[in-house]
């Protein structure tokens, strides 16, 4: 069964890292994998998915450290409903998180603004 989050996450992180599809194809070749640009577009459109090995290599290339969380497999126990729920984060929220983490000098001001000190 295909995970619909994979295409969205791969495309998002490729663009976040300012890689062209050709750059990704070249990087995969350097890592010993073969993937034509058409194949990568297929992954990003949800028509196909990379093998597990390729996916792990792409995660390393894109700097994805929380693999389970990024692809929607992280579950949280919800005390109120007494069951697990999957945490979904929009791409806009992901961008906010990355921007927050990349500007440690501004984090105290953002936390103060959000009343989270």
N, C-alpha and C. Protein backbone atom coordinates (compact mmCIF):
# COMPACT_ATOMS: atom_id res chain seq x y z
N UNK A 1 0.84 -1.19 0.00
CA UNK A 1 0.00 0.00 0.00
C UNK A 1 0.88 1.24 0.00
N UNK A 2 0.58 2.17 -0.89
CA UNK A 2 1.39 3.37 -1.01
C UNK A 2 0.98 4.41 0.04
N UNK A 3 1.99 5.13 0.52
CA UNK A 3 1.76 6.21 1.46
C UNK A 3 1.62 7.50 0.65
N UNK A 4 0.46 8.15 0.69
CA UNK A 4 0.26 9.37 -0.10
C UNK A 4 1.12 10.55 0.35
N UNK A 5 1.66 10.48 1.57
CA UNK A 5 2.51 11.56 2.06
C UNK A 5 3.89 11.57 1.41
N UNK A 6 4.34 10.43 0.89
CA UNK A 6 5.69 10.35 0.35
C UNK A 6 5.89 11.33 -0.79
N UNK A 7 4.97 11.38 -1.73
CA UNK A 7 5.14 12.29 -2.87
C UNK A 7 5.20 13.75 -2.41
N UNK A 8 4.32 14.12 -1.51
CA UNK A 8 4.26 15.50 -1.01
C UNK A 8 5.56 15.86 -0.29
N UNK A 9 6.03 14.98 0.58
CA UNK A 9 7.23 15.26 1.37
C UNK A 9 8.47 15.32 0.49
N UNK A 10 8.59 14.39 -0.46
CA UNK A 10 9.78 14.40 -1.33
C UNK A 10 9.85 15.68 -2.15
N UNK A 11 8.74 16.09 -2.70
CA UNK A 11 8.73 17.32 -3.51
C UNK A 11 9.02 18.54 -2.64
N UNK A 12 8.40 18.59 -1.48
CA UNK A 12 8.60 19.72 -0.57
C UNK A 12 10.08 19.86 -0.19
N UNK A 13 10.70 18.76 0.22
CA UNK A 13 12.09 18.84 0.67
C UNK A 13 13.07 19.05 -0.48
N UNK A 14 12.74 18.56 -1.67
CA UNK A 14 13.62 18.85 -2.81
C UNK A 14 13.65 20.35 -3.06
N UNK A 15 12.48 20.96 -3.05
CA UNK A 15 12.40 22.40 -3.27
C UNK A 15 13.00 23.19 -2.11
N UNK A 16 12.77 22.73 -0.89
CA UNK A 16 13.33 23.39 0.29
C UNK A 16 14.85 23.43 0.22
N UNK A 17 15.45 22.37 -0.31
CA UNK A 17 16.90 22.28 -0.44
C UNK A 17 17.42 22.89 -1.74
N UNK A 18 16.53 23.46 -2.53
CA UNK A 18 16.89 24.11 -3.80
C UNK A 18 17.57 23.16 -4.77
N UNK A 19 17.08 21.92 -4.83
CA UNK A 19 17.58 20.93 -5.78
C UNK A 19 16.64 20.86 -6.98
N UNK A 20 17.22 20.76 -8.16
CA UNK A 20 16.42 20.45 -9.33
C UNK A 20 16.24 18.93 -9.36
N UNK A 21 15.34 18.46 -10.19
CA UNK A 21 15.15 17.02 -10.34
C UNK A 21 16.44 16.39 -10.89
N UNK A 22 17.12 17.10 -11.78
CA UNK A 22 18.40 16.61 -12.30
C UNK A 22 19.44 16.50 -11.19
N UNK A 23 19.47 17.48 -10.28
CA UNK A 23 20.40 17.42 -9.14
C UNK A 23 20.16 16.15 -8.32
N UNK A 24 18.90 15.84 -8.08
CA UNK A 24 18.55 14.65 -7.29
C UNK A 24 18.97 13.39 -8.03
N UNK A 25 18.70 13.35 -9.32
CA UNK A 25 19.10 12.20 -10.14
C UNK A 25 20.62 12.00 -10.08
N UNK A 26 21.36 13.10 -10.20
CA UNK A 26 22.82 13.03 -10.12
C UNK A 26 23.30 12.57 -8.74
N UNK A 27 22.67 13.08 -7.70
CA UNK A 27 23.05 12.69 -6.34
C UNK A 27 22.77 11.20 -6.09
N UNK A 28 21.65 10.73 -6.61
CA UNK A 28 21.34 9.30 -6.48
C UNK A 28 22.39 8.47 -7.20
N UNK A 29 22.80 8.92 -8.38
CA UNK A 29 23.86 8.22 -9.12
C UNK A 29 25.15 8.18 -8.32
N UNK A 30 25.50 9.30 -7.71
CA UNK A 30 26.70 9.35 -6.88
C UNK A 30 26.62 8.39 -5.70
N UNK A 31 25.41 8.11 -5.24
CA UNK A 31 25.21 7.19 -4.13
C UNK A 31 25.04 5.74 -4.56
N UNK A 32 25.15 5.49 -5.87
CA UNK A 32 25.05 4.13 -6.36
C UNK A 32 23.65 3.70 -6.77
N UNK A 33 22.74 4.65 -6.88
CA UNK A 33 21.36 4.35 -7.28
C UNK A 33 21.11 4.91 -8.66
N UNK A 34 20.14 4.35 -9.36
CA UNK A 34 19.78 4.84 -10.68
C UNK A 34 18.33 5.29 -10.66
N UNK A 35 18.12 6.55 -11.00
CA UNK A 35 16.76 7.08 -11.10
C UNK A 35 16.77 8.22 -12.11
N UNK A 36 16.07 8.01 -13.21
CA UNK A 36 15.95 9.05 -14.22
C UNK A 36 15.08 10.18 -13.68
N UNK A 37 15.20 11.34 -14.29
CA UNK A 37 14.39 12.48 -13.88
C UNK A 37 12.90 12.14 -13.95
N UNK A 38 12.50 11.40 -14.98
CA UNK A 38 11.09 11.00 -15.12
C UNK A 38 10.64 10.16 -13.92
N UNK A 39 11.52 9.33 -13.43
CA UNK A 39 11.20 8.49 -12.26
C UNK A 39 10.97 9.36 -11.03
N UNK A 40 11.83 10.35 -10.84
CA UNK A 40 11.70 11.24 -9.68
C UNK A 40 10.41 12.04 -9.77
N UNK A 41 10.07 12.51 -10.97
CA UNK A 41 8.78 13.19 -11.14
C UNK A 41 7.63 12.25 -10.79
N UNK A 42 7.77 10.98 -11.14
CA UNK A 42 6.75 9.99 -10.79
C UNK A 42 6.60 9.83 -9.29
N UNK A 43 7.72 9.84 -8.57
CA UNK A 43 7.65 9.77 -7.11
C UNK A 43 6.93 10.97 -6.54
N UNK A 44 7.25 12.15 -7.08
CA UNK A 44 6.70 13.39 -6.56
C UNK A 44 5.23 13.60 -6.94
N UNK A 45 4.77 12.90 -7.95
CA UNK A 45 3.36 13.02 -8.35
C UNK A 45 2.51 11.89 -7.75
N UNK A 46 3.16 10.94 -7.08
CA UNK A 46 2.43 9.84 -6.46
C UNK A 46 2.15 8.68 -7.38
N UNK A 47 2.71 8.68 -8.59
CA UNK A 47 2.50 7.59 -9.52
C UNK A 47 3.30 6.36 -9.14
N UNK A 48 4.39 6.56 -8.43
CA UNK A 48 5.26 5.46 -7.99
C UNK A 48 5.94 5.90 -6.71
N UNK A 49 6.65 4.98 -6.08
CA UNK A 49 7.40 5.31 -4.87
C UNK A 49 8.79 4.71 -4.96
N UNK A 50 9.77 5.39 -4.36
CA UNK A 50 11.13 4.85 -4.38
C UNK A 50 11.22 3.60 -3.50
N UNK A 51 12.25 2.80 -3.75
CA UNK A 51 12.49 1.65 -2.87
C UNK A 51 12.85 2.18 -1.48
N UNK A 52 12.79 1.32 -0.51
CA UNK A 52 13.13 1.73 0.86
C UNK A 52 14.55 2.27 0.94
N UNK A 53 15.50 1.61 0.26
CA UNK A 53 16.89 2.08 0.27
C UNK A 53 17.01 3.47 -0.34
N UNK A 54 16.34 3.68 -1.47
CA UNK A 54 16.39 4.99 -2.11
C UNK A 54 15.73 6.05 -1.23
N UNK A 55 14.63 5.69 -0.60
CA UNK A 55 13.94 6.63 0.27
C UNK A 55 14.85 7.06 1.42
N UNK A 56 15.56 6.11 2.00
CA UNK A 56 16.49 6.44 3.09
C UNK A 56 17.62 7.35 2.58
N UNK A 57 18.10 7.08 1.38
CA UNK A 57 19.15 7.92 0.80
C UNK A 57 18.61 9.33 0.55
N UNK A 58 17.40 9.44 0.03
CA UNK A 58 16.79 10.75 -0.19
C UNK A 58 16.59 11.51 1.11
N UNK A 59 16.20 10.81 2.15
CA UNK A 59 16.03 11.45 3.46
C UNK A 59 17.36 12.02 3.95
N UNK A 60 18.42 11.27 3.76
CA UNK A 60 19.75 11.76 4.14
C UNK A 60 20.13 12.97 3.29
N UNK A 61 19.91 12.88 1.98
CA UNK A 61 20.21 13.98 1.07
C UNK A 61 19.43 15.24 1.44
N UNK A 62 18.17 15.10 1.78
CA UNK A 62 17.30 16.24 2.08
C UNK A 62 17.40 16.70 3.54
N UNK A 63 18.12 15.97 4.37
CA UNK A 63 18.24 16.35 5.77
C UNK A 63 17.01 16.03 6.60
N UNK A 64 16.29 14.99 6.23
CA UNK A 64 15.10 14.57 6.97
C UNK A 64 15.55 13.61 8.06
N UNK A 65 15.46 14.05 9.30
CA UNK A 65 15.92 13.20 10.40
C UNK A 65 14.76 12.45 11.07
N UNK A 66 13.59 13.07 11.14
CA UNK A 66 12.42 12.43 11.74
C UNK A 66 11.59 11.78 10.63
N UNK A 67 12.09 10.67 10.15
CA UNK A 67 11.48 10.02 8.98
C UNK A 67 10.04 9.60 9.26
N UNK A 68 9.80 8.94 10.37
CA UNK A 68 8.44 8.50 10.68
C UNK A 68 7.48 9.68 10.80
N UNK A 69 7.93 10.72 11.46
CA UNK A 69 7.08 11.90 11.63
C UNK A 69 6.80 12.60 10.31
N UNK A 70 7.82 12.77 9.50
CA UNK A 70 7.66 13.49 8.22
C UNK A 70 6.69 12.78 7.27
N UNK A 71 6.70 11.46 7.29
CA UNK A 71 5.86 10.72 6.36
C UNK A 71 4.52 10.29 6.96
N UNK A 72 4.19 10.85 8.13
CA UNK A 72 2.86 10.64 8.71
C UNK A 72 2.67 9.35 9.48
N UNK A 73 3.76 8.76 9.95
CA UNK A 73 3.62 7.51 10.71
C UNK A 73 3.70 7.72 12.21
N UNK A 74 3.91 8.92 12.64
CA UNK A 74 4.02 9.18 14.06
C UNK A 74 2.63 9.22 14.66
N UNK A 75 2.47 8.48 15.70
CA UNK A 75 1.18 8.47 16.38
C UNK A 75 1.35 9.01 17.79
N UNK A 76 0.29 9.56 18.31
CA UNK A 76 0.28 10.13 19.65
C UNK A 76 -0.92 9.56 20.39
N UNK A 77 -0.75 9.29 21.67
CA UNK A 77 -1.86 8.80 22.48
C UNK A 77 -2.71 9.97 22.90
N UNK A 78 -3.98 9.91 22.59
CA UNK A 78 -4.93 10.96 22.96
C UNK A 78 -5.69 10.50 24.19
N UNK A 79 -5.44 11.18 25.30
CA UNK A 79 -6.03 10.78 26.57
C UNK A 79 -7.55 10.91 26.53
N UNK A 80 -8.05 11.97 25.89
CA UNK A 80 -9.50 12.21 25.88
C UNK A 80 -10.27 11.12 25.14
N UNK A 81 -9.75 10.67 24.01
CA UNK A 81 -10.46 9.64 23.24
C UNK A 81 -9.97 8.23 23.56
N UNK A 82 -8.94 8.14 24.40
CA UNK A 82 -8.37 6.86 24.80
C UNK A 82 -7.95 6.02 23.59
N UNK A 83 -7.31 6.70 22.62
CA UNK A 83 -6.83 6.02 21.42
C UNK A 83 -5.66 6.80 20.82
N UNK A 84 -5.03 6.23 19.81
CA UNK A 84 -3.94 6.92 19.16
C UNK A 84 -4.48 7.77 18.01
N UNK A 85 -3.81 8.88 17.78
CA UNK A 85 -4.14 9.75 16.66
C UNK A 85 -2.86 10.04 15.90
N UNK A 86 -2.98 10.27 14.61
CA UNK A 86 -1.83 10.63 13.79
C UNK A 86 -1.75 12.15 13.73
N UNK A 87 -0.56 12.65 13.96
CA UNK A 87 -0.33 14.09 13.92
C UNK A 87 -0.05 14.50 12.47
N UNK A 88 -0.83 15.39 11.92
CA UNK A 88 -0.63 15.90 10.57
C UNK A 88 -0.12 17.33 10.67
N UNK A 89 0.91 17.63 9.90
CA UNK A 89 1.47 18.97 9.84
C UNK A 89 1.41 19.43 8.40
N UNK A 90 0.87 20.63 8.17
CA UNK A 90 0.78 21.14 6.81
C UNK A 90 2.17 21.58 6.34
N UNK A 91 2.31 21.75 5.04
CA UNK A 91 3.61 22.20 4.51
C UNK A 91 3.93 23.61 4.99
N UNK A 92 2.93 24.44 5.21
CA UNK A 92 3.16 25.78 5.74
C UNK A 92 3.71 25.70 7.17
N UNK A 93 3.14 24.78 7.96
CA UNK A 93 3.64 24.59 9.33
C UNK A 93 5.07 24.05 9.30
N UNK A 94 5.37 23.16 8.37
CA UNK A 94 6.73 22.63 8.24
C UNK A 94 7.70 23.76 7.93
N UNK A 95 7.31 24.65 7.03
CA UNK A 95 8.15 25.79 6.67
C UNK A 95 8.39 26.68 7.88
N UNK A 96 7.33 26.93 8.66
CA UNK A 96 7.48 27.73 9.86
C UNK A 96 8.47 27.10 10.85
N UNK A 97 8.36 25.80 11.01
CA UNK A 97 9.27 25.08 11.92
C UNK A 97 10.71 25.20 11.44
N UNK A 98 10.93 24.99 10.14
CA UNK A 98 12.29 25.09 9.60
C UNK A 98 12.84 26.50 9.73
N UNK A 99 12.01 27.49 9.48
CA UNK A 99 12.46 28.87 9.62
C UNK A 99 12.78 29.19 11.08
N UNK A 100 11.94 28.73 11.98
CA UNK A 100 12.17 28.94 13.41
C UNK A 100 13.50 28.32 13.83
N UNK A 101 13.74 27.09 13.40
CA UNK A 101 14.98 26.40 13.78
C UNK A 101 16.21 27.02 13.14
N UNK A 102 16.07 27.60 11.96
CA UNK A 102 17.23 28.16 11.27
C UNK A 102 17.57 29.58 11.75
N UNK A 103 16.78 30.14 12.65
CA UNK A 103 17.04 31.48 13.19
C UNK A 103 17.04 31.46 14.72
N UNK A 104 18.02 30.80 15.33
CA UNK A 104 18.03 30.70 16.80
C UNK A 104 18.09 32.05 17.49
N UNK A 105 18.66 33.05 16.81
CA UNK A 105 18.74 34.38 17.40
C UNK A 105 17.35 35.03 17.54
N UNK A 106 16.40 34.61 16.72
CA UNK A 106 15.05 35.19 16.76
C UNK A 106 14.08 34.36 17.59
N UNK A 107 14.47 33.17 18.02
CA UNK A 107 13.56 32.29 18.74
C UNK A 107 13.01 32.91 20.03
N UNK A 108 13.84 33.58 20.84
CA UNK A 108 13.26 34.19 22.05
C UNK A 108 12.17 35.20 21.74
N UNK A 109 12.35 36.00 20.68
CA UNK A 109 11.34 36.99 20.32
C UNK A 109 10.05 36.32 19.85
N UNK A 110 10.19 35.26 19.05
CA UNK A 110 9.00 34.54 18.55
C UNK A 110 8.27 33.89 19.73
N UNK A 111 9.01 33.27 20.62
CA UNK A 111 8.38 32.64 21.78
C UNK A 111 7.68 33.68 22.66
N UNK A 112 8.29 34.84 22.81
CA UNK A 112 7.67 35.91 23.58
C UNK A 112 6.38 36.38 22.88
N UNK A 113 6.45 36.57 21.57
CA UNK A 113 5.29 37.01 20.81
C UNK A 113 4.12 36.02 20.95
N UNK A 114 4.43 34.73 20.97
CA UNK A 114 3.41 33.70 21.09
C UNK A 114 3.07 33.36 22.53
N UNK A 115 3.66 34.13 23.45
CA UNK A 115 3.43 33.92 24.89
C UNK A 115 3.79 32.49 25.31
N UNK A 116 4.97 32.05 24.85
CA UNK A 116 5.41 30.68 25.14
C UNK A 116 6.74 30.66 25.90
N UNK A 117 7.11 31.77 26.51
CA UNK A 117 8.39 31.83 27.23
C UNK A 117 8.39 30.93 28.43
